[in-house]
């Protein structure tokens, strides 16, 4: 139980950083000369705080009635972010929009890969999460112990 609490606590900092990374990177790119339309810049600026709020609510408000829905929204949001990052990278490459800053495309694709890895960890850890929830609720039994045994 203690190890799981430590693991979940240590997981918060990377989630916070990831939620703010595109906003910070987008603003820095803008000041490096990569121009964005006003609506894109507004979206870049709002993305970080909105994503961060979702991350913090999911981390701290485990038992609220809306958490199951917010978890699904977060999961779909991350898939949408992957698709948007890949699509925008392909667009930027094919149009030459980032020809002078092609390293940004590599960073965007790397970030899409990070989000994907996080989603796959979430999928693979689902059995652990279910078992951990039963331990917290003190409802585990011998069948659960056998199911989750190595």
Protein backbone atom coordinates (compact mmCIF):
# COMPACT_ATOMS: atom_id res chain seq x y z
CA UNK A 1 0.00 0.00 0.00
CA UNK A 2 2.77 2.40 0.91
CA UNK A 3 4.72 1.65 -2.26
CA UNK A 4 1.60 2.21 -4.38
CA UNK A 5 0.93 5.56 -2.68
CA UNK A 6 4.53 6.62 -3.30
CA UNK A 7 4.28 5.49 -6.93
CA UNK A 8 1.09 7.50 -7.49
CA UNK A 9 2.60 10.54 -5.79
CA UNK A 10 5.77 10.36 -7.90
CA UNK A 11 3.65 10.06 -11.02
CA UNK A 12 2.06 13.48 -10.50
CA UNK A 13 5.11 15.61 -11.37
CA UNK A 14 5.62 14.10 -14.86
CA UNK A 15 1.90 14.49 -15.53
CA UNK A 16 2.04 18.16 -14.54
CA UNK A 17 5.08 18.74 -16.75
CA UNK A 18 3.49 16.92 -19.69
CA UNK A 19 0.28 18.92 -19.44
CA UNK A 20 2.20 22.21 -19.65
CA UNK A 21 4.88 21.19 -22.15
CA UNK A 22 3.02 22.02 -25.37
CA UNK A 23 1.95 25.42 -24.08
CA UNK A 24 5.49 26.33 -23.04
CA UNK A 25 6.95 24.92 -26.26
CA UNK A 26 4.37 26.67 -28.43
CA UNK A 27 4.99 30.02 -26.78
CA UNK A 28 8.77 29.60 -27.05
CA UNK A 29 8.44 28.61 -30.71
CA UNK A 30 6.29 31.69 -31.29
CA UNK A 31 9.00 33.92 -29.82
CA UNK A 32 11.61 32.13 -31.93
CA UNK A 33 9.75 33.26 -35.02
CA UNK A 34 7.33 30.39 -35.71
CA UNK A 35 4.19 32.42 -36.30
CA UNK A 36 0.77 31.13 -35.31
CA UNK A 37 -2.64 32.42 -36.24
CA UNK A 38 -4.33 34.19 -33.34
CA UNK A 39 -6.77 31.31 -32.78
CA UNK A 40 -3.84 28.86 -32.67
CA UNK A 41 -1.95 31.00 -30.17
CA UNK A 42 -5.04 31.26 -27.96
CA UNK A 43 -5.46 27.48 -28.17
CA UNK A 44 -1.80 26.92 -27.29
CA UNK A 45 -2.06 29.24 -24.29
CA UNK A 46 -5.30 27.66 -23.02
CA UNK A 47 -4.17 24.06 -23.58
CA UNK A 48 -1.79 23.97 -20.62
CA UNK A 49 -4.09 25.25 -17.89
CA UNK A 50 -7.04 23.19 -19.13
CA UNK A 51 -4.98 19.98 -19.34
CA UNK A 52 -3.32 20.71 -15.98
CA UNK A 53 -6.71 21.21 -14.34
CA UNK A 54 -7.88 17.85 -15.68
CA UNK A 55 -4.70 16.15 -14.41
CA UNK A 56 -5.02 17.66 -10.93
CA UNK A 57 -8.72 16.91 -10.60
CA UNK A 58 -8.13 13.29 -11.62
CA UNK A 59 -5.25 13.01 -9.15
CA UNK A 60 -6.93 14.54 -6.11
CA UNK A 61 -10.67 13.88 -6.52
CA UNK A 62 -10.78 10.06 -6.72
CA UNK A 63 -14.23 9.48 -5.26
CA UNK A 64 -16.28 12.23 -6.93
CA UNK A 65 -19.19 11.12 -9.10
CA UNK A 66 -17.82 12.69 -12.30
CA UNK A 67 -14.37 11.04 -12.15
CA UNK A 68 -15.33 8.04 -14.30
CA UNK A 69 -16.54 10.37 -17.06
CA UNK A 70 -13.53 12.67 -16.71
CA UNK A 71 -11.21 9.66 -16.94
CA UNK A 72 -12.82 8.69 -20.26
CA UNK A 73 -12.59 12.29 -21.48
CA UNK A 74 -8.91 12.39 -20.50
CA UNK A 75 -8.25 9.11 -22.32
CA UNK A 76 -9.95 10.36 -25.51
CA UNK A 77 -8.29 13.76 -25.16
CA UNK A 78 -4.85 12.13 -25.14
CA UNK A 79 -5.67 10.12 -28.27
CA UNK A 80 -6.87 13.34 -29.90
CA UNK A 81 -3.62 15.05 -28.90
CA UNK A 82 -1.62 12.23 -30.50
CA UNK A 83 -3.64 12.54 -33.71
CA UNK A 84 -3.33 16.35 -33.72
CA UNK A 85 0.42 16.24 -33.12
CA UNK A 86 0.97 13.72 -35.91
CA UNK A 87 -1.33 15.58 -38.31
CA UNK A 88 0.22 18.96 -37.60
CA UNK A 89 3.73 17.52 -37.95
CA UNK A 90 2.86 15.96 -41.31
CA UNK A 91 1.25 19.22 -42.43
CA UNK A 92 4.24 21.29 -41.30
CA UNK A 93 6.66 18.95 -43.06
CA UNK A 94 4.69 18.70 -46.30
CA UNK A 95 4.12 22.45 -46.59
CA UNK A 96 7.60 23.46 -45.46
CA UNK A 97 6.08 25.55 -42.68
CA UNK A 98 8.85 24.51 -40.30
CA UNK A 99 11.64 24.14 -42.87
CA UNK A 100 13.88 26.50 -40.91
CA UNK A 101 12.98 24.81 -37.62
CA UNK A 102 12.59 21.16 -38.59
CA UNK A 103 13.72 20.11 -35.11
CA UNK A 104 10.30 21.20 -33.86
CA UNK A 105 8.68 18.44 -35.92
CA UNK A 106 10.94 15.88 -34.24
CA UNK A 107 9.98 17.26 -30.82
CA UNK A 108 6.26 17.16 -31.66
CA UNK A 109 6.50 13.56 -32.86
CA UNK A 110 8.51 12.65 -29.76
CA UNK A 111 5.84 14.22 -27.58
CA UNK A 112 3.14 12.26 -29.39
CA UNK A 113 5.18 9.14 -28.64
CA UNK A 114 5.36 10.08 -24.94
CA UNK A 115 1.60 10.51 -24.76
CA UNK A 116 1.15 7.15 -26.51
CA UNK A 117 3.51 5.43 -24.05
CA UNK A 118 1.56 6.94 -21.16
CA UNK A 119 -1.69 5.60 -22.60
CA UNK A 120 -0.19 2.14 -23.03
CA UNK A 121 1.05 2.18 -19.43
CA UNK A 122 -2.47 3.11 -18.35
CA UNK A 123 -3.94 0.22 -20.38
CA UNK A 124 -1.40 -2.31 -19.08
CA UNK A 125 -1.74 -1.16 -15.46
CA UNK A 126 -5.53 -1.42 -15.42
CA UNK A 127 -5.47 -4.83 -13.67
CA UNK A 128 -3.15 -3.36 -11.03
CA UNK A 129 -5.47 -0.39 -10.54
CA UNK A 130 -8.48 -2.67 -10.06
CA UNK A 131 -6.58 -4.80 -7.56
CA UNK A 132 -5.27 -1.74 -5.74
CA UNK A 133 -8.79 -0.30 -5.48
CA UNK A 134 -9.99 -3.54 -3.88
CA UNK A 135 -7.11 -3.38 -1.38
CA UNK A 136 -8.02 0.22 -0.49
CA UNK A 137 -11.65 -0.78 0.02
CA UNK A 138 -10.57 -3.91 1.90
CA UNK A 139 -12.70 -6.09 -0.41
CA UNK A 140 -9.95 -8.30 -1.86
CA UNK A 141 -10.28 -12.05 -1.45
CA UNK A 142 -8.30 -15.21 -2.22
CA UNK A 143 -9.49 -15.24 -5.83
CA UNK A 144 -8.10 -11.72 -6.30
CA UNK A 145 -4.82 -12.74 -4.75
CA UNK A 146 -4.53 -15.62 -7.22
CA UNK A 147 -5.54 -13.45 -10.18
CA UNK A 148 -2.94 -10.78 -9.50
CA UNK A 149 -0.16 -13.12 -8.40
CA UNK A 150 2.94 -13.19 -10.63
